[in-house]
Protein backbone atom coordinates (compact mmCIF):
# COMPACT_ATOMS: atom_id res chain seq x y z
CA MET A 1 -10.35 3.51 10.56
CA ILE A 2 -10.74 5.26 7.18
CA ARG A 3 -7.77 6.59 5.55
CA THR A 4 -7.13 8.77 2.78
CA VAL A 5 -4.85 8.26 -0.28
CA ASP A 6 -2.59 10.91 -0.39
CA SER A 7 -0.13 11.94 -3.26
CA ASP A 8 2.54 11.89 -1.15
CA GLY A 9 2.94 8.18 -1.48
CA PRO A 10 3.96 6.12 -4.51
CA LEU A 11 0.68 6.04 -5.99
CA PRO A 12 -0.84 7.89 -8.68
CA ARG A 13 -2.76 10.95 -8.03
CA ALA A 14 -6.67 10.53 -8.02
CA GLY A 15 -7.30 12.12 -11.55
CA GLU A 16 -4.38 9.97 -13.31
CA CYS A 17 -5.78 6.95 -13.09
CA CYS A 18 -8.29 6.64 -10.30
CA VAL A 19 -11.52 7.99 -11.91
CA ASP A 20 -13.07 4.58 -11.60
CA PRO A 21 -14.57 4.08 -8.07
CA LEU A 22 -13.46 0.61 -8.24
CA LYS A 23 -10.02 1.75 -8.57
CA ARG A 24 -10.08 4.61 -6.31
CA LEU A 25 -11.04 1.69 -3.65
CA MET A 26 -8.15 -0.41 -4.79
CA ALA A 27 -5.69 2.75 -4.40
CA ALA A 28 -7.18 3.23 -0.97
CA VAL A 29 -6.56 -0.31 0.13
CA LEU A 30 -3.08 -0.33 -1.12
CA GLN A 31 -2.20 2.96 0.33
CA THR A 32 -3.46 1.60 3.85
CA ALA A 33 -1.27 -1.47 3.56
CA LEU A 34 1.90 0.88 2.81
CA ASP A 35 0.97 3.43 5.61
CA ASP A 36 0.81 0.33 7.90
CA CYS A 37 4.26 -0.67 6.55
CA ARG A 38 5.99 2.43 6.63
CA GLY A 39 3.91 5.17 8.68
CA SER A 40 1.46 7.53 7.30
CA ALA A 41 2.62 10.79 5.27
CA TYR A 42 1.34 12.66 8.53
CA ARG A 43 3.38 10.69 10.63
CA ARG A 44 6.92 10.81 8.55
CA ARG A 45 6.05 14.69 8.42
CA LEU A 46 5.99 14.80 12.18
CA GLY A 47 9.13 12.74 12.68
CA LEU A 48 7.13 10.11 14.47
CA GLY A 49 8.12 7.23 11.97
CA PRO A 50 5.86 3.94 11.41
CA HIS A 51 3.32 3.39 14.40
CA THR A 52 3.74 0.74 17.34
CA ASP A 53 0.57 -1.30 16.22
CA LEU A 54 2.78 -4.36 15.55
CA PRO A 55 -0.05 -6.72 14.97
CA ALA A 56 -1.10 -4.22 12.11
CA LEU A 57 2.57 -3.78 11.05
CA ARG A 58 3.05 -7.81 10.79
CA GLN A 59 -0.38 -8.06 8.74
CA ALA A 60 0.94 -5.09 6.46
CA VAL A 61 4.01 -7.02 5.75
CA ASP A 62 2.42 -10.24 5.14
CA PHE A 63 0.14 -8.68 2.70
CA VAL A 64 2.70 -6.85 0.68
CA THR A 65 5.16 -9.84 0.89
CA SER A 66 2.70 -12.52 -0.45
CA THR A 67 2.59 -13.34 -4.14
CA ASP A 68 -0.55 -14.96 -3.88
CA ARG A 69 -3.37 -14.05 -6.53
CA SER A 70 -6.24 -15.78 -5.23
CA TRP A 71 -7.96 -13.04 -3.45
CA PRO A 72 -9.04 -9.93 -5.97
CA PHE A 73 -7.70 -7.43 -3.59
CA SER A 74 -4.33 -9.33 -2.92
CA PHE A 75 -1.18 -6.92 -3.09
CA GLU A 76 -0.34 -8.53 -6.56
CA ASN A 77 -3.67 -7.87 -8.09
CA LEU A 78 -3.79 -4.32 -6.68
CA CYS A 79 -0.73 -3.49 -8.14
CA GLU A 80 -1.60 -4.76 -11.62
CA ALA A 81 -4.91 -3.33 -11.68
CA LEU A 82 -3.42 -0.03 -10.78
CA SER A 83 -0.47 -0.26 -13.62
CA LEU A 84 2.17 -0.75 -10.77
CA ASN A 85 5.05 -2.92 -10.52
CA ALA A 86 4.78 -4.97 -7.53
CA ASP A 87 8.35 -6.26 -7.05
CA GLN A 88 9.51 -2.54 -7.52
CA LEU A 89 7.03 -1.64 -4.85
CA ARG A 90 8.09 -4.34 -2.44
CA HIS A 91 11.70 -2.98 -3.21
CA ALA A 92 10.85 0.38 -2.38
CA LEU A 93 9.30 -0.66 1.00
CA GLY A 94 12.79 -2.93 1.65
CA GLN A 95 10.49 -5.96 1.25
CA ALA A 96 11.03 -9.24 -0.74
CA PRO A 97 8.64 -11.58 -1.61
CA GLY A 98 8.67 -14.75 0.83
CA ALA A 99 10.65 -12.57 3.68
C-alpha cells in the first residue's frame, strides 16, 4: 500500500529537507513505520487509534527499536539521514531500544 508523508507527524515538511528524491523516499519509509506504530494521522483524527494489524505493528516496533545500522534503510540510518534524533523519536513513540 502506498502511503503519503503528512505534515501532521514529527517529520519535517517536504520543502524543508526532502527536496532530494532519496530523502523523500527515506521520509516516506520512516513515516510508514511511525504510522504503523501509532496509527495514521487519518485514523487519529477520526479517533480510531492504531490499526488492528498486529503483525504489521510488531514489525514496525521491531524496526523502530532496532539499533542495527547494517541496512541502508534501517531506523537509525534513516533518522541520521533526515537529521532526526533516533532516541528522541523512540521516546516520543514510547519505545526504547531493545524493548
